[in-house]
Protein backbone atom coordinates (compact mmCIF):
# COMPACT_ATOMS: atom_id res chain seq x y z
CA MET A 1 0.04 -0.23 -0.34
CA ASP A 2 1.42 3.31 -1.16
CA ALA A 3 -0.03 5.58 1.05
CA THR A 4 0.54 9.30 2.38
CA ILE A 5 -0.32 11.05 5.26
CA GLY A 6 -0.70 14.64 4.79
CA ASP A 7 3.30 14.80 3.54
CA LEU A 8 4.66 11.79 5.20
CA GLY A 9 4.89 8.68 3.33
CA LEU A 10 4.35 5.08 4.87
CA ASN A 11 5.88 3.72 2.06
CA GLU A 12 9.69 5.54 2.98
CA VAL A 13 8.61 4.74 6.98
CA ARG A 14 7.92 1.07 6.18
CA LYS A 15 11.06 0.88 4.75
CA PHE A 16 13.29 2.47 7.47
CA LEU A 17 11.57 -0.56 9.42
CA ASP A 18 12.60 -2.63 7.43
CA ALA A 19 16.10 -0.63 7.90
CA TYR A 20 15.80 -1.24 11.60
CA ASP A 21 15.25 -4.49 11.07
CA SER A 22 18.33 -5.46 9.20
CA ASN A 23 20.46 -3.36 11.55
CA ALA A 24 18.98 -3.93 15.18
CA ASP A 25 21.48 -6.35 16.35
CA TYR A 26 24.33 -4.30 14.94
CA LEU A 27 23.75 -1.17 16.92
CA GLU A 28 25.76 -0.49 19.30
CA LEU A 29 23.75 1.62 22.07
CA SER A 30 23.74 1.31 25.84
CA PRO A 31 20.40 -0.61 27.25
CA GLU A 32 18.57 2.20 28.18
CA HIS A 33 18.79 3.90 24.78
CA ALA A 34 18.08 0.13 22.86
CA ALA A 35 14.80 -0.38 25.27
CA GLU A 36 13.62 3.14 24.09
CA MET A 37 14.29 2.35 20.19
CA ARG A 38 12.63 -0.61 20.48
CA SER A 39 9.14 0.97 22.44
CA ASP A 40 9.92 3.79 19.64
CA ILE A 41 9.97 1.04 16.91
CA VAL A 42 7.27 -0.99 18.34
CA THR A 43 5.29 2.50 17.86
CA VAL A 44 5.57 3.10 14.62
CA THR A 45 5.10 -0.19 13.49
CA ALA A 46 1.60 -0.15 15.09
CA GLN A 47 0.60 3.17 13.44
CA VAL A 48 1.88 2.11 10.08
CA GLU A 49 -0.48 -0.88 10.13
CA SER A 50 -3.22 0.73 12.12
CA PRO A 51 -5.90 1.69 9.86
CA LYS A 52 -5.74 5.24 11.03
CA PRO A 53 -2.69 6.12 11.86
CA LYS A 54 -1.42 9.11 13.79
CA VAL A 55 0.47 11.10 12.11
CA GLY A 56 1.70 13.02 15.38
CA VAL A 57 2.39 9.97 17.12
CA ILE A 58 4.82 8.42 13.86
CA ARG A 59 6.65 11.71 13.69
CA GLU A 60 7.49 12.22 17.63
CA SER A 61 8.28 8.36 17.91
CA LEU A 62 10.36 9.06 14.57
CA LEU A 63 12.32 12.36 16.22
CA SER A 64 12.89 10.15 19.10
CA ILE A 65 14.55 7.34 17.19
CA GLN A 66 16.92 10.08 15.71
CA ARG A 67 17.54 11.78 18.69
CA ILE A 68 18.99 8.20 20.05
CA LEU A 69 20.92 7.33 16.98
CA GLU A 70 22.44 11.34 16.83
CA GLY A 71 23.00 11.67 20.77
CA ALA A 72 24.19 7.51 21.35
CA GLY A 73 25.78 7.04 17.86
CA GLY A 74 24.94 3.48 17.35
CA GLY A 75 28.24 2.76 15.23
CA ILE A 76 27.88 2.08 11.76
CA ALA A 77 24.86 0.70 11.62
CA GLY A 78 23.39 3.77 13.62
CA THR A 79 25.18 6.03 10.94
CA TYR A 80 22.95 3.92 8.41
CA LEU A 81 19.98 4.36 10.05
CA LEU A 82 20.18 7.47 10.20
CA GLU A 83 20.94 8.25 6.54
CA ALA A 84 17.53 6.18 6.40
CA LEU A 85 15.63 8.50 8.51
CA LYS A 86 16.60 11.68 5.84
CA HIS A 87 14.77 9.65 3.32
CA ILE A 88 11.25 10.50 5.82
CA ASN A 89 9.73 13.61 5.60
CA PHE A 90 8.50 14.64 8.88
């Protein structure tokens, strides 16, 4: 499904979620940051799969993910995921 909500493209969000799934094991995050990241990922996934996704919830969760990756690093996988986030207009 190629849907958008406002200017948020759900396909781009799905691509980011796929990239996260492929790279999560390689993120170099503290246990606290990893738990926060997983929580945000679960939230975004639930919203993307919802019949009525809430764009505000998705945006806030993506911003939280971005802050975690920028602040905590995450190694090469984190850098890759930050780059993937750039393709999402949030």
